[in-house]
Amino acid sequence: WHKGEVFGIAARSYCDSPFSDEPWMHSHVELRDADGVIQPG
């Protein structure tokens, strides 16, 4: 594996939600930490 090329790091969870039948996948490209600082990812 050539780690000089781009690779991903990820974390995943499951959450109960009444909107689990929502017919769209959602992605948020502006992520902020608890202090409001923009995070990579």
Full PDB file with SEQRES, HELIX, SHEET, SSBOND, CRYST1, ORIGX, SCALE, CONECT and MASTER records, all heavy atoms in Angstrom:
SEQRES   1 A   41  TRP HIS LYS GLY GLU VAL PHE GLY ILE ALA ALA ARG SER          
SEQRES   2 A   41  TYR CYS ASP SER PRO PHE SER ASP GLU PRO TRP MET HIS          
SEQRES   3 A   41  SER HIS VAL GLU LEU ARG ASP ALA ASP GLY VAL ILE GLN          
SEQRES   4 A   41  PRO GLY                                                      
SHEET    1 AA1 2 LEU A  31  ARG A  32  0                                        
SHEET    2 AA1 2 ILE A  38  GLN A  39 -1                                        
CRYST1    1.000    1.000    1.000  90.00  90.00  90.00 P 1           1          
ORIGX1      1.000000  0.000000  0.000000        0.00000                         
ORIGX2      0.000000  1.000000  0.000000        0.00000                         
ORIGX3      0.000000  0.000000  1.000000        0.00000                         
SCALE1      1.000000  0.000000  0.000000        0.00000                         
SCALE2      0.000000  1.000000  0.000000        0.00000                         
SCALE3      0.000000  0.000000  1.000000        0.00000                         
ATOM      1  N   TRP A   1       0.855  -1.181   0.000  1.00  0.00           N  
ATOM      2  CA  TRP A   1       0.000   0.000   0.000  1.00  0.00           C  
ATOM      3  C   TRP A   1       0.893   1.234   0.000  1.00  0.00           C  
ATOM      4  O   TRP A   1       1.766   1.388   0.852  1.00  0.00           O  
ATOM      5  CB  TRP A   1      -0.904  -0.052   1.230  1.00  0.00           C  
ATOM      6  CG  TRP A   1      -1.730   1.185   1.487  1.00  0.00           C  
ATOM      7  CD1 TRP A   1      -1.993   2.198   0.618  1.00  0.00           C  
ATOM      8  CD2 TRP A   1      -2.406   1.521   2.696  1.00  0.00           C  
ATOM      9  NE1 TRP A   1      -2.793   3.145   1.201  1.00  0.00           N  
ATOM     10  CE2 TRP A   1      -3.058   2.757   2.484  1.00  0.00           C  
ATOM     11  CE3 TRP A   1      -2.534   0.899   3.930  1.00  0.00           C  
ATOM     12  CZ2 TRP A   1      -3.812   3.376   3.473  1.00  0.00           C  
ATOM     13  CZ3 TRP A   1      -3.296   1.521   4.912  1.00  0.00           C  
ATOM     14  CH2 TRP A   1      -3.928   2.744   4.692  1.00  0.00           C  
ATOM     15  N   HIS A   2       0.662   2.158  -0.938  1.00  0.00           N  
ATOM     16  CA  HIS A   2       1.472   3.367  -1.084  1.00  0.00           C  
ATOM     17  C   HIS A   2       0.780   4.528  -0.373  1.00  0.00           C  
ATOM     18  O   HIS A   2      -0.102   5.181  -0.938  1.00  0.00           O  
ATOM     19  CB  HIS A   2       1.689   3.670  -2.566  1.00  0.00           C  
ATOM     20  CG  HIS A   2       2.357   2.541  -3.297  1.00  0.00           C  
ATOM     21  ND1 HIS A   2       3.708   2.303  -3.225  1.00  0.00           N  
ATOM     22  CD2 HIS A   2       1.844   1.561  -4.086  1.00  0.00           C  
ATOM     23  CE1 HIS A   2       4.008   1.240  -3.944  1.00  0.00           C  
ATOM     24  NE2 HIS A   2       2.897   0.762  -4.468  1.00  0.00           N  
ATOM     25  N   LYS A   3       1.208   4.788   0.856  1.00  0.00           N  
ATOM     26  CA  LYS A   3       0.536   5.797   1.671  1.00  0.00           C  
ATOM     27  C   LYS A   3       0.907   7.221   1.289  1.00  0.00           C  
ATOM     28  O   LYS A   3       0.361   8.166   1.855  1.00  0.00           O  
ATOM     29  CB  LYS A   3       0.834   5.555   3.157  1.00  0.00           C  
ATOM     30  CG  LYS A   3       0.208   4.275   3.693  1.00  0.00           C  
ATOM     31  CD  LYS A   3       0.407   4.146   5.197  1.00  0.00           C  
ATOM     32  CE  LYS A   3      -0.243   2.879   5.732  1.00  0.00           C  
ATOM     33  NZ  LYS A   3      -0.062   2.730   7.194  1.00  0.00           N  
ATOM     34  N   GLY A   4       1.835   7.374   0.331  1.00  0.00           N  
ATOM     35  CA  GLY A   4       2.094   8.709  -0.190  1.00  0.00           C  
ATOM     36  C   GLY A   4       0.942   9.218  -1.031  1.00  0.00           C  
ATOM     37  O   GLY A   4       0.798  10.428  -1.251  1.00  0.00           O  
ATOM     38  N   GLU A   5       0.099   8.295  -1.515  1.00  0.00           N  
ATOM     39  CA  GLU A   5      -1.116   8.681  -2.231  1.00  0.00           C  
ATOM     40  C   GLU A   5      -2.239   8.939  -1.219  1.00  0.00           C  
ATOM     41  O   GLU A   5      -2.149   8.564  -0.050  1.00  0.00           O  
ATOM     42  CB  GLU A   5      -1.519   7.579  -3.205  1.00  0.00           C  
ATOM     43  CG  GLU A   5      -0.498   7.314  -4.293  1.00  0.00           C  
ATOM     44  CD  GLU A   5      -0.187   8.548  -5.113  1.00  0.00           C  
ATOM     45  OE1 GLU A   5      -1.144   9.250  -5.508  1.00  0.00           O  
ATOM     46  OE2 GLU A   5       1.000   8.818  -5.362  1.00  0.00           O  
ATOM     47  N   VAL A   6      -3.301   9.581  -1.692  1.00  0.00           N  
ATOM     48  CA  VAL A   6      -4.412   9.930  -0.812  1.00  0.00           C  
ATOM     49  C   VAL A   6      -5.074   8.662  -0.268  1.00  0.00           C  
ATOM     50  O   VAL A   6      -5.329   7.711  -1.003  1.00  0.00           O  
ATOM     51  CB  VAL A   6      -5.451  10.773  -1.573  1.00  0.00           C  
ATOM     52  CG1 VAL A   6      -6.703  10.976  -0.723  1.00  0.00           C  
ATOM     53  CG2 VAL A   6      -4.867  12.122  -1.958  1.00  0.00           C  
ATOM     54  N   PHE A   7      -5.315   8.656   1.051  1.00  0.00           N  
ATOM     55  CA  PHE A   7      -6.104   7.594   1.659  1.00  0.00           C  
ATOM     56  C   PHE A   7      -7.118   8.209   2.609  1.00  0.00           C  
ATOM     57  O   PHE A   7      -7.033   9.396   2.950  1.00  0.00           O  
ATOM     58  CB  PHE A   7      -5.216   6.562   2.374  1.00  0.00           C  
ATOM     59  CG  PHE A   7      -4.385   7.102   3.512  1.00  0.00           C  
ATOM     60  CD1 PHE A   7      -4.858   7.088   4.815  1.00  0.00           C  
ATOM     61  CD2 PHE A   7      -3.115   7.598   3.276  1.00  0.00           C  
ATOM     62  CE1 PHE A   7      -4.091   7.568   5.857  1.00  0.00           C  
ATOM     63  CE2 PHE A   7      -2.328   8.088   4.320  1.00  0.00           C  
ATOM     64  CZ  PHE A   7      -2.821   8.076   5.613  1.00  0.00           C  
ATOM     65  N   GLY A   8      -8.086   7.422   2.997  1.00  0.00           N  
ATOM     66  CA  GLY A   8      -9.154   7.938   3.838  1.00  0.00           C  
ATOM     67  C   GLY A   8      -9.040   7.468   5.273  1.00  0.00           C  
ATOM     68  O   GLY A   8      -8.490   6.398   5.552  1.00  0.00           O  
ATOM     69  N   ILE A   9      -9.547   8.279   6.178  1.00  0.00           N  
ATOM     70  CA  ILE A   9      -9.769   7.862   7.562  1.00  0.00           C  
ATOM     71  C   ILE A   9     -11.238   8.144   7.862  1.00  0.00           C  
ATOM     72  O   ILE A   9     -11.790   9.147   7.411  1.00  0.00           O  
ATOM     73  CB  ILE A   9      -8.847   8.584   8.560  1.00  0.00           C  
ATOM     74  CG1 ILE A   9      -9.032  10.106   8.490  1.00  0.00           C  
ATOM     75  CG2 ILE A   9      -7.398   8.225   8.300  1.00  0.00           C  
ATOM     76  CD1 ILE A   9      -8.235  10.861   9.551  1.00  0.00           C  
ATOM     77  N   ALA A  10     -11.881   7.254   8.564  1.00  0.00           N  
ATOM     78  CA  ALA A  10     -13.330   7.401   8.745  1.00  0.00           C  
ATOM     79  C   ALA A  10     -13.775   6.786  10.057  1.00  0.00           C  
ATOM     80  O   ALA A  10     -13.129   5.887  10.600  1.00  0.00           O  
ATOM     81  CB  ALA A  10     -14.081   6.750   7.584  1.00  0.00           C  
ATOM     82  N   ALA A  11     -14.895   7.288  10.561  1.00  0.00           N  
ATOM     83  CA  ALA A  11     -15.581   6.700  11.709  1.00  0.00           C  
ATOM     84  C   ALA A  11     -17.059   6.605  11.369  1.00  0.00           C  
ATOM     85  O   ALA A  11     -17.598   7.445  10.639  1.00  0.00           O  
ATOM     86  CB  ALA A  11     -15.383   7.542  12.964  1.00  0.00           C  
ATOM     87  N   ARG A  12     -17.703   5.572  11.891  1.00  0.00           N  
ATOM     88  CA  ARG A  12     -19.098   5.305  11.559  1.00  0.00           C  
ATOM     89  C   ARG A  12     -19.879   4.916  12.805  1.00  0.00           C  
ATOM     90  O   ARG A  12     -19.343   4.326  13.732  1.00  0.00           O  
ATOM     91  CB  ARG A  12     -19.158   4.159  10.554  1.00  0.00           C  
ATOM     92  CG  ARG A  12     -20.566   3.697  10.207  1.00  0.00           C  
ATOM     93  CD  ARG A  12     -20.676   2.180  10.227  1.00  0.00           C  
ATOM     94  NE  ARG A  12     -20.609   1.608  11.572  1.00  0.00           N  
ATOM     95  CZ  ARG A  12     -20.533   0.312  11.825  1.00  0.00           C  
ATOM     96  NH1 ARG A  12     -20.476  -0.547  10.840  1.00  0.00           N  
ATOM     97  NH2 ARG A  12     -20.508  -0.132  13.081  1.00  0.00           N  
ATOM     98  N   SER A  13     -21.164   5.271  12.807  1.00  0.00           N  
ATOM     99  CA  SER A  13     -22.052   4.868  13.897  1.00  0.00           C  
ATOM    100  C   SER A  13     -23.444   4.640  13.335  1.00  0.00           C  
ATOM    101  O   SER A  13     -23.722   4.943  12.172  1.00  0.00           O  
ATOM    102  CB  SER A  13     -22.113   5.957  14.981  1.00  0.00           C  
ATOM    103  OG  SER A  13     -22.784   7.113  14.482  1.00  0.00           O  
ATOM    104  N   TYR A  14     -24.317   4.093  14.182  1.00  0.00           N  
ATOM    105  CA  TYR A  14     -25.735   3.984  13.847  1.00  0.00           C  
ATOM    106  C   TYR A  14     -26.528   4.742  14.909  1.00  0.00           C  
ATOM    107  O   TYR A  14     -26.213   4.690  16.102  1.00  0.00           O  
ATOM    108  CB  TYR A  14     -26.182   2.520  13.812  1.00  0.00           C  
ATOM    109  CG  TYR A  14     -25.555   1.727  12.696  1.00  0.00           C  
ATOM    110  CD1 TYR A  14     -24.541   0.812  12.956  1.00  0.00           C  
ATOM    111  CD2 TYR A  14     -25.973   1.904  11.386  1.00  0.00           C  
ATOM    112  CE1 TYR A  14     -23.961   0.089  11.930  1.00  0.00           C  
ATOM    113  CE2 TYR A  14     -25.395   1.181  10.349  1.00  0.00           C  
ATOM    114  CZ  TYR A  14     -24.392   0.278  10.630  1.00  0.00           C  
ATOM    115  OH  TYR A  14     -23.806  -0.430   9.607  1.00  0.00           O  
ATOM    116  N   CYS A  15     -27.573   5.447  14.452  1.00  0.00           N  
ATOM    117  CA  CYS A  15     -28.436   6.195  15.356  1.00  0.00           C  
ATOM    118  C   CYS A  15     -29.894   5.924  14.986  1.00  0.00           C  
ATOM    119  O   CYS A  15     -30.240   5.911  13.795  1.00  0.00           O  
ATOM    120  CB  CYS A  15     -28.182   7.701  15.260  1.00  0.00           C  
ATOM    121  SG  CYS A  15     -26.509   8.229  15.657  1.00  0.00           S  
ATOM    122  N   ASP A  16     -30.731   5.730  15.993  1.00  0.00           N  
ATOM    123  CA  ASP A  16     -32.161   5.668  15.733  1.00  0.00           C  
ATOM    124  C   ASP A  16     -32.637   7.030  15.237  1.00  0.00           C  
ATOM    125  O   ASP A  16     -32.150   8.081  15.696  1.00  0.00           O  
ATOM    126  CB  ASP A  16     -32.922   5.298  17.002  1.00  0.00           C  
ATOM    127  CG  ASP A  16     -32.637   3.867  17.454  1.00  0.00           C  
ATOM    128  OD1 ASP A  16     -32.209   3.051  16.619  1.00  0.00           O  
ATOM    129  OD2 ASP A  16     -32.842   3.580  18.653  1.00  0.00           O  
ATOM    130  N   SER A  17     -33.576   7.018  14.290  1.00  0.00           N  
ATOM    131  CA  SER A  17     -34.126   8.274  13.779  1.00  0.00           C  
ATOM    132  C   SER A  17     -35.489   8.008  13.159  1.00  0.00           C  
ATOM    133  O   SER A  17     -35.657   7.015  12.430  1.00  0.00           O  
ATOM    134  CB  SER A  17     -33.210   8.892  12.723  1.00  0.00           C  
ATOM    135  OG  SER A  17     -33.846  10.002  12.088  1.00  0.00           O  
ATOM    136  N   PRO A  18     -36.466   8.891  13.406  1.00  0.00           N  
ATOM    137  CA  PRO A  18     -37.771   8.730  12.752  1.00  0.00           C  
ATOM    138  C   PRO A  18     -37.721   9.065  11.267  1.00  0.00           C  
ATOM    139  O   PRO A  18     -38.713   8.888  10.560  1.00  0.00           O  
ATOM    140  CB  PRO A  18     -38.662   9.711  13.513  1.00  0.00           C  
ATOM    141  CG  PRO A  18     -37.729  10.755  14.024  1.00  0.00           C  
ATOM    142  CD  PRO A  18     -36.454  10.034  14.336  1.00  0.00           C  
ATOM    143  N   PHE A  19     -36.566   9.545  10.791  1.00  0.00           N  
ATOM    144  CA  PHE A  19     -36.429   9.928   9.383  1.00  0.00           C  
ATOM    145  C   PHE A  19     -35.609   8.905   8.596  1.00  0.00           C  
ATOM    146  O   PHE A  19     -34.982   9.241   7.590  1.00  0.00           O  
ATOM    147  CB  PHE A  19     -35.790  11.315   9.279  1.00  0.00           C  
ATOM    148  CG  PHE A  19     -36.542  12.382  10.018  1.00  0.00           C  
ATOM    149  CD1 PHE A  19     -36.033  12.928  11.193  1.00  0.00           C  
ATOM    150  CD2 PHE A  19     -37.782  12.834   9.564  1.00  0.00           C  
ATOM    151  CE1 PHE A  19     -36.725  13.896  11.893  1.00  0.00           C  
ATOM    152  CE2 PHE A  19     -38.485  13.806  10.259  1.00  0.00           C  
ATOM    153  CZ  PHE A  19     -37.952  14.341  11.423  1.00  0.00           C  
ATOM    154  N   SER A  20     -35.634   7.662   9.031  1.00  0.00           N  
ATOM    155  CA  SER A  20     -34.814   6.647   8.359  1.00  0.00           C  
ATOM    156  C   SER A  20     -35.357   6.274   6.986  1.00  0.00           C  
ATOM    157  O   SER A  20     -34.675   5.575   6.228  1.00  0.00           O  
ATOM    158  CB  SER A  20     -34.688   5.393   9.231  1.00  0.00           C  
ATOM    159  OG  SER A  20     -35.884   4.646   9.206  1.00  0.00           O  
ATOM    160  N   ASP A  21     -36.576   6.715   6.644  1.00  0.00           N  
ATOM    161  CA  ASP A  21     -37.113   6.476   5.303  1.00  0.00           C  
ATOM    162  C   ASP A  21     -36.878   7.656   4.367  1.00  0.00           C  
ATOM    163  O   ASP A  21     -37.322   7.618   3.207  1.00  0.00           O  
ATOM    164  CB  ASP A  21     -38.615   6.177   5.370  1.00  0.00           C  
ATOM    165  CG  ASP A  21     -38.912   4.838   6.033  1.00  0.00           C  
ATOM    166  OD1 ASP A  21     -38.144   3.893   5.800  1.00  0.00           O  
ATOM    167  OD2 ASP A  21     -39.892   4.758   6.793  1.00  0.00           O  
ATOM    168  N   GLU A  22     -36.202   8.702   4.834  1.00  0.00           N  
ATOM    169  CA  GLU A  22     -35.870   9.846   3.998  1.00  0.00           C  
ATOM    170  C   GLU A  22     -35.183   9.356   2.711  1.00  0.00           C  
ATOM    171  O   GLU A  22     -34.200   8.613   2.769  1.00  0.00           O  
ATOM    172  CB  GLU A  22     -34.939  10.778   4.786  1.00  0.00           C  
ATOM    173  CG  GLU A  22     -34.007  11.648   3.990  1.00  0.00           C  
ATOM    174  CD  GLU A  22     -34.692  12.835   3.316  1.00  0.00           C  
ATOM    175  OE1 GLU A  22     -35.900  13.011   3.494  1.00  0.00           O  
ATOM    176  OE2 GLU A  22     -34.004  13.564   2.590  1.00  0.00           O  
ATOM    177  N   PRO A  23     -35.693   9.745   1.522  1.00  0.00           N  
ATOM    178  CA  PRO A  23     -35.180   9.158   0.278  1.00  0.00           C  
ATOM    179  C   PRO A  23     -33.957   9.862  -0.301  1.00  0.00           C  
ATOM    180  O   PRO A  23     -33.753   9.855  -1.511  1.00  0.00           O  
ATOM    181  CB  PRO A  23     -36.388   9.278  -0.660  1.00  0.00           C  
ATOM    182  CG  PRO A  23     -37.066  10.526  -0.222  1.00  0.00           C  
ATOM    183  CD  PRO A  23     -36.901  10.578   1.282  1.00  0.00           C  
ATOM    184  N   TRP A  24     -33.133  10.461   0.546  1.00  0.00           N  
ATOM    185  CA  TRP A  24     -31.907  11.113   0.093  1.00  0.00           C  
ATOM    186  C   TRP A  24     -30.760  10.769   1.032  1.00  0.00           C  
ATOM    187  O   TRP A  24     -30.949  10.655   2.243  1.00  0.00           O  
ATOM    188  CB  TRP A  24     -32.070  12.642   0.055  1.00  0.00           C  
ATOM    189  CG  TRP A  24     -33.080  13.116  -0.936  1.00  0.00           C  
ATOM    190  CD1 TRP A  24     -34.416  13.294  -0.728  1.00  0.00           C  
ATOM    191  CD2 TRP A  24     -32.836  13.459  -2.304  1.00  0.00           C  
ATOM    192  NE1 TRP A  24     -35.033  13.726  -1.881  1.00  0.00           N  
ATOM    193  CE2 TRP A  24     -34.084  13.846  -2.867  1.00  0.00           C  
ATOM    194  CE3 TRP A  24     -31.701  13.495  -3.107  1.00  0.00           C  
ATOM    195  CZ2 TRP A  24     -34.215  14.249  -4.186  1.00  0.00           C  
ATOM    196  CZ3 TRP A  24     -31.825  13.897  -4.432  1.00  0.00           C  
ATOM    197  CH2 TRP A  24     -33.061  14.268  -4.964  1.00  0.00           C  
ATOM    198  N   MET A  25     -29.581  10.603   0.464  1.00  0.00           N  
ATOM    199  CA  MET A  25     -28.361  10.492   1.260  1.00  0.00           C  
ATOM    200  C   MET A  25     -27.848  11.914   1.492  1.00  0.00           C  
ATOM    201  O   MET A  25     -27.856  12.740   0.573  1.00  0.00           O  
ATOM    202  CB  MET A  25     -27.318   9.664   0.506  1.00  0.00           C  
ATOM    203  CG  MET A  25     -27.796   8.270   0.150  1.00  0.00           C  
ATOM    204  SD  MET A  25     -26.744   7.453  -1.088  1.00  0.00           S  
ATOM    205  CE  MET A  25     -25.321   7.045  -0.084  1.00  0.00           C  
ATOM    206  N   HIS A  26     -27.398  12.203   2.702  1.00  0.00           N  
ATOM    207  CA  HIS A  26     -26.981  13.556   3.047  1.00  0.00           C  
ATOM    208  C   HIS A  26     -25.491  13.596   3.373  1.00  0.00           C  
ATOM    209  O   HIS A  26     -24.970  12.707   4.061  1.00  0.00           O  
ATOM    210  CB  HIS A  26     -27.770  14.065   4.255  1.00  0.00           C  
ATOM    211  CG  HIS A  26     -29.217  14.315   3.964  1.00  0.00           C  
ATOM    212  ND1 HIS A  26     -29.756  15.574   3.848  1.00  0.00           N  
ATOM    213  CD2 HIS A  26     -30.242  13.449   3.738  1.00  0.00           C  
ATOM    214  CE1 HIS A  26     -31.057  15.479   3.580  1.00  0.00           C  
ATOM    215  NE2 HIS A  26     -31.368  14.198   3.510  1.00  0.00           N  
ATOM    216  N   SER A  27     -24.831  14.634   2.863  1.00  0.00           N  
ATOM    217  CA  SER A  27     -23.414  14.839   3.161  1.00  0.00           C  
ATOM    218  C   SER A  27     -23.187  16.296   3.543  1.00  0.00           C  
ATOM    219  O   SER A  27     -23.685  17.208   2.870  1.00  0.00           O  
ATOM    220  CB  SER A  27     -22.558  14.474   1.946  1.00  0.00           C  
ATOM    221  OG  SER A  27     -21.187  14.629   2.242  1.00  0.00           O  
ATOM    222  N   HIS A  28     -22.480  16.494   4.646  1.00  0.00           N  
ATOM    223  CA  HIS A  28     -22.144  17.833   5.126  1.00  0.00           C  
ATOM    224  C   HIS A  28     -20.646  18.055   4.928  1.00  0.00           C  
ATOM    225  O   HIS A  28     -19.832  17.353   5.524  1.00  0.00           O  
ATOM    226  CB  HIS A  28     -22.515  17.986   6.598  1.00  0.00           C  
ATOM    227  CG  HIS A  28     -23.984  17.889   6.867  1.00  0.00           C  
ATOM    228  ND1 HIS A  28     -24.648  16.669   6.943  1.00  0.00           N  
ATOM    229  CD2 HIS A  28     -24.933  18.848   7.062  1.00  0.00           C  
ATOM    230  CE1 HIS A  28     -25.938  16.892   7.182  1.00  0.00           C  
ATOM    231  NE2 HIS A  28     -26.131  18.190   7.258  1.00  0.00           N  
ATOM    232  N   VAL A  29     -20.318  19.013   4.058  1.00  0.00           N  
ATOM    233  CA  VAL A  29     -18.908  19.239   3.728  1.00  0.00           C  
ATOM    234  C   VAL A  29     -18.296  20.357   4.567  1.00  0.00           C  
ATOM    235  O   VAL A  29     -17.116  20.659   4.410  1.00  0.00           O  
ATOM    236  CB  VAL A  29     -18.736  19.539   2.222  1.00  0.00           C  
ATOM    237  CG1 VAL A  29     -19.160  18.342   1.399  1.00  0.00           C  
ATOM    238  CG2 VAL A  29     -19.523  20.777   1.816  1.00  0.00           C  
ATOM    239  N   GLU A  30     -19.093  20.960   5.438  1.00  0.00           N  
ATOM    240  CA  GLU A  30     -18.578  21.950   6.389  1.00  0.00           C  
ATOM    241  C   GLU A  30     -18.737  21.371   7.790  1.00  0.00           C  
ATOM    242  O   GLU A  30     -19.821  21.412   8.372  1.00  0.00           O  
ATOM    243  CB  GLU A  30     -19.339  23.274   6.266  1.00  0.00           C  
ATOM    244  CG  GLU A  30     -18.830  24.343   7.216  1.00  0.00           C  
ATOM    245  CD  GLU A  30     -19.655  25.631   7.156  1.00  0.00           C  
ATOM    246  OE1 GLU A  30     -20.681  25.651   6.437  1.00  0.00           O  
ATOM    247  OE2 GLU A  30     -19.284  26.610   7.824  1.00  0.00           O  
ATOM    248  N   LEU A  31     -17.674  20.819   8.305  1.00  0.00           N  
ATOM    249  CA  LEU A  31     -17.699  20.216   9.635  1.00  0.00           C  
ATOM    250  C   LEU A  31     -16.984  21.119  10.626  1.00  0.00           C  
ATOM    251  O   LEU A  31     -15.888  21.619  10.353  1.00  0.00           O  
ATOM    252  CB  LEU A  31     -17.011  18.849   9.619  1.00  0.00           C  
ATOM    253  CG  LEU A  31     -17.772  17.677   9.009  1.00  0.00           C  
ATOM    254  CD1 LEU A  31     -17.020  16.384   9.288  1.00  0.00           C  
ATOM    255  CD2 LEU A  31     -19.180  17.579   9.568  1.00  0.00           C  
ATOM    256  N   ARG A  32     -17.587  21.298  11.778  1.00  0.00           N  
ATOM    257  CA  ARG A  32     -16.982  22.116  12.838  1.00  0.00           C  
ATOM    258  C   ARG A  32     -16.946  21.321  14.128  1.00  0.00           C  
ATOM    259  O   ARG A  32     -17.817  20.489  14.385  1.00  0.00           O  
ATOM    260  CB  ARG A  32     -17.761  23.418  13.034  1.00  0.00           C  
ATOM    261  CG  ARG A  32     -17.743  24.313  11.802  1.00  0.00           C  
ATOM    262  CD  ARG A  32     -18.549  25.584  11.998  1.00  0.00           C  
ATOM    263  NE  ARG A  32     -18.546  26.418  10.809  1.00  0.00           N  
ATOM    264  CZ  ARG A  32     -17.644  27.370  10.566  1.00  0.00           C  
ATOM    265  NH1 ARG A  32     -16.696  27.623  11.455  1.00  0.00           N  
ATOM    266  NH2 ARG A  32     -17.696  28.077   9.451  1.00  0.00           N  
ATOM    267  N   ASP A  33     -15.942  21.583  14.934  1.00  0.00           N  
ATOM    268  CA  ASP A  33     -15.867  20.916  16.226  1.00  0.00           C  
ATOM    269  C   ASP A  33     -16.779  21.620  17.219  1.00  0.00           C  
ATOM    270  O   ASP A  33     -17.529  22.547  16.860  1.00  0.00           O  
ATOM    271  CB  ASP A  33     -14.422  20.832  16.718  1.00  0.00           C  
ATOM    272  CG  ASP A  33     -13.800  22.196  17.013  1.00  0.00           C  
ATOM    273  OD1 ASP A  33     -14.541  23.204  17.096  1.00  0.00           O  
ATOM    274  OD2 ASP A  33     -12.560  22.250  17.168  1.00  0.00           O  
ATOM    275  N   ALA A  34     -16.727  21.192  18.483  1.00  0.00           N  
ATOM    276  CA  ALA A  34     -17.630  21.745  19.492  1.00  0.00           C  
ATOM    277  C   ALA A  34     -17.397  23.237  19.723  1.00  0.00           C  
ATOM    278  O   ALA A  34     -18.283  23.945  20.202  1.00  0.00           O  
ATOM    279  CB  ALA A  34     -17.461  20.984  20.807  1.00  0.00           C  
ATOM    280  N   ASP A  35     -16.198  23.730  19.349  1.00  0.00           N  
ATOM    281  CA  ASP A  35     -15.887  25.152  19.511  1.00  0.00           C  
ATOM    282  C   ASP A  35     -16.160  25.966  18.259  1.00  0.00           C  
ATOM    283  O   ASP A  35     -15.850  27.158  18.198  1.00  0.00           O  
ATOM    284  CB  ASP A  35     -14.416  25.322  19.917  1.00  0.00           C  
ATOM    285  CG  ASP A  35     -14.114  24.674  21.266  1.00  0.00           C  
ATOM    286  OD1 ASP A  35     -14.973  24.787  22.172  1.00  0.00           O  
ATOM    287  OD2 ASP A  35     -13.046  24.054  21.403  1.00  0.00           O  
ATOM    288  N   GLY A  36     -16.705  25.312  17.227  1.00  0.00           N  
ATOM    289  CA  GLY A  36     -17.035  26.013  15.997  1.00  0.00           C  
ATOM    290  C   GLY A  36     -15.894  26.153  15.013  1.00  0.00           C  
ATOM    291  O   GLY A  36     -16.023  26.847  14.002  1.00  0.00           O  
ATOM    292  N   VAL A  37     -14.775  25.478  15.264  1.00  0.00           N  
ATOM    293  CA  VAL A  37     -13.615  25.567  14.372  1.00  0.00           C  
ATOM    294  C   VAL A  37     -13.790  24.565  13.230  1.00  0.00           C  
ATOM    295  O   VAL A  37     -14.101  23.384  13.453  1.00  0.00           O  
ATOM    296  CB  VAL A  37     -12.309  25.263  15.140  1.00  0.00           C  
ATOM    297  CG1 VAL A  37     -11.108  25.308  14.198  1.00  0.00           C  
ATOM    298  CG2 VAL A  37     -12.145  26.252  16.286  1.00  0.00           C  
ATOM    299  N   ILE A  38     -13.601  25.049  11.985  1.00  0.00           N  
ATOM    300  CA  ILE A  38     -13.736  24.178  10.825  1.00  0.00           C  
ATOM    301  C   ILE A  38     -12.704  23.058  10.885  1.00  0.00           C  
ATOM    302  O   ILE A  38     -11.525  23.285  11.156  1.00  0.00           O  
ATOM    303  CB  ILE A  38     -13.570  24.980   9.517  1.00  0.00           C  
ATOM    304  CG1 ILE A  38     -14.781  25.893   9.311  1.00  0.00           C  
ATOM    305  CG2 ILE A  38     -13.404  24.051   8.318  1.00  0.00           C  
ATOM    306  CD1 ILE A  38     -14.736  26.714   8.050  1.00  0.00           C  
ATOM    307  N   GLN A  39     -13.174  21.837  10.614  1.00  0.00           N  
ATOM    308  CA  GLN A  39     -12.320  20.657  10.650  1.00  0.00           C  
ATOM    309  C   GLN A  39     -12.145  20.085   9.243  1.00  0.00           C  
ATOM    310  O   GLN A  39     -13.042  20.207   8.405  1.00  0.00           O  
ATOM    311  CB  GLN A  39     -12.951  19.578  11.545  1.00  0.00           C  
ATOM    312  CG  GLN A  39     -13.157  20.008  12.976  1.00  0.00           C  
ATOM    313  CD  GLN A  39     -11.839  20.265  13.689  1.00  0.00           C  
ATOM    314  OE1 GLN A  39     -11.000  19.378  13.804  1.00  0.00           O  
ATOM    315  NE2 GLN A  39     -11.659  21.490  14.147  1.00  0.00           N  
ATOM    316  N   PRO A  40     -11.004  19.481   8.960  1.00  0.00           N  
ATOM    317  CA  PRO A  40     -10.863  18.813   7.666  1.00  0.00           C  
ATOM    318  C   PRO A  40     -11.778  17.601   7.598  1.00  0.00           C  
ATOM    319  O   PRO A  40     -11.918  16.867   8.572  1.00  0.00           O  
ATOM    320  CB  PRO A  40      -9.384  18.378   7.652  1.00  0.00           C  
ATOM    321  CG  PRO A  40      -9.019  18.253   9.103  1.00  0.00           C  
ATOM    322  CD  PRO A  40      -9.818  19.309   9.816  1.00  0.00           C  
ATOM    323  N   GLY A  41     -12.432  17.435   6.470  1.00  0.00           N  
ATOM    324  CA  GLY A  41     -13.270  16.252   6.326  1.00  0.00           C  
ATOM    325  C   GLY A  41     -14.715  16.585   6.020  1.00  0.00           C  
ATOM    326  O   GLY A  41     -15.073  17.721   5.708  1.00  0.00           O  
TER     327      GLY A  41                                                      
MASTER        0    0    0    0    2    0    0    6  326    1    0    4          
END                                                                             
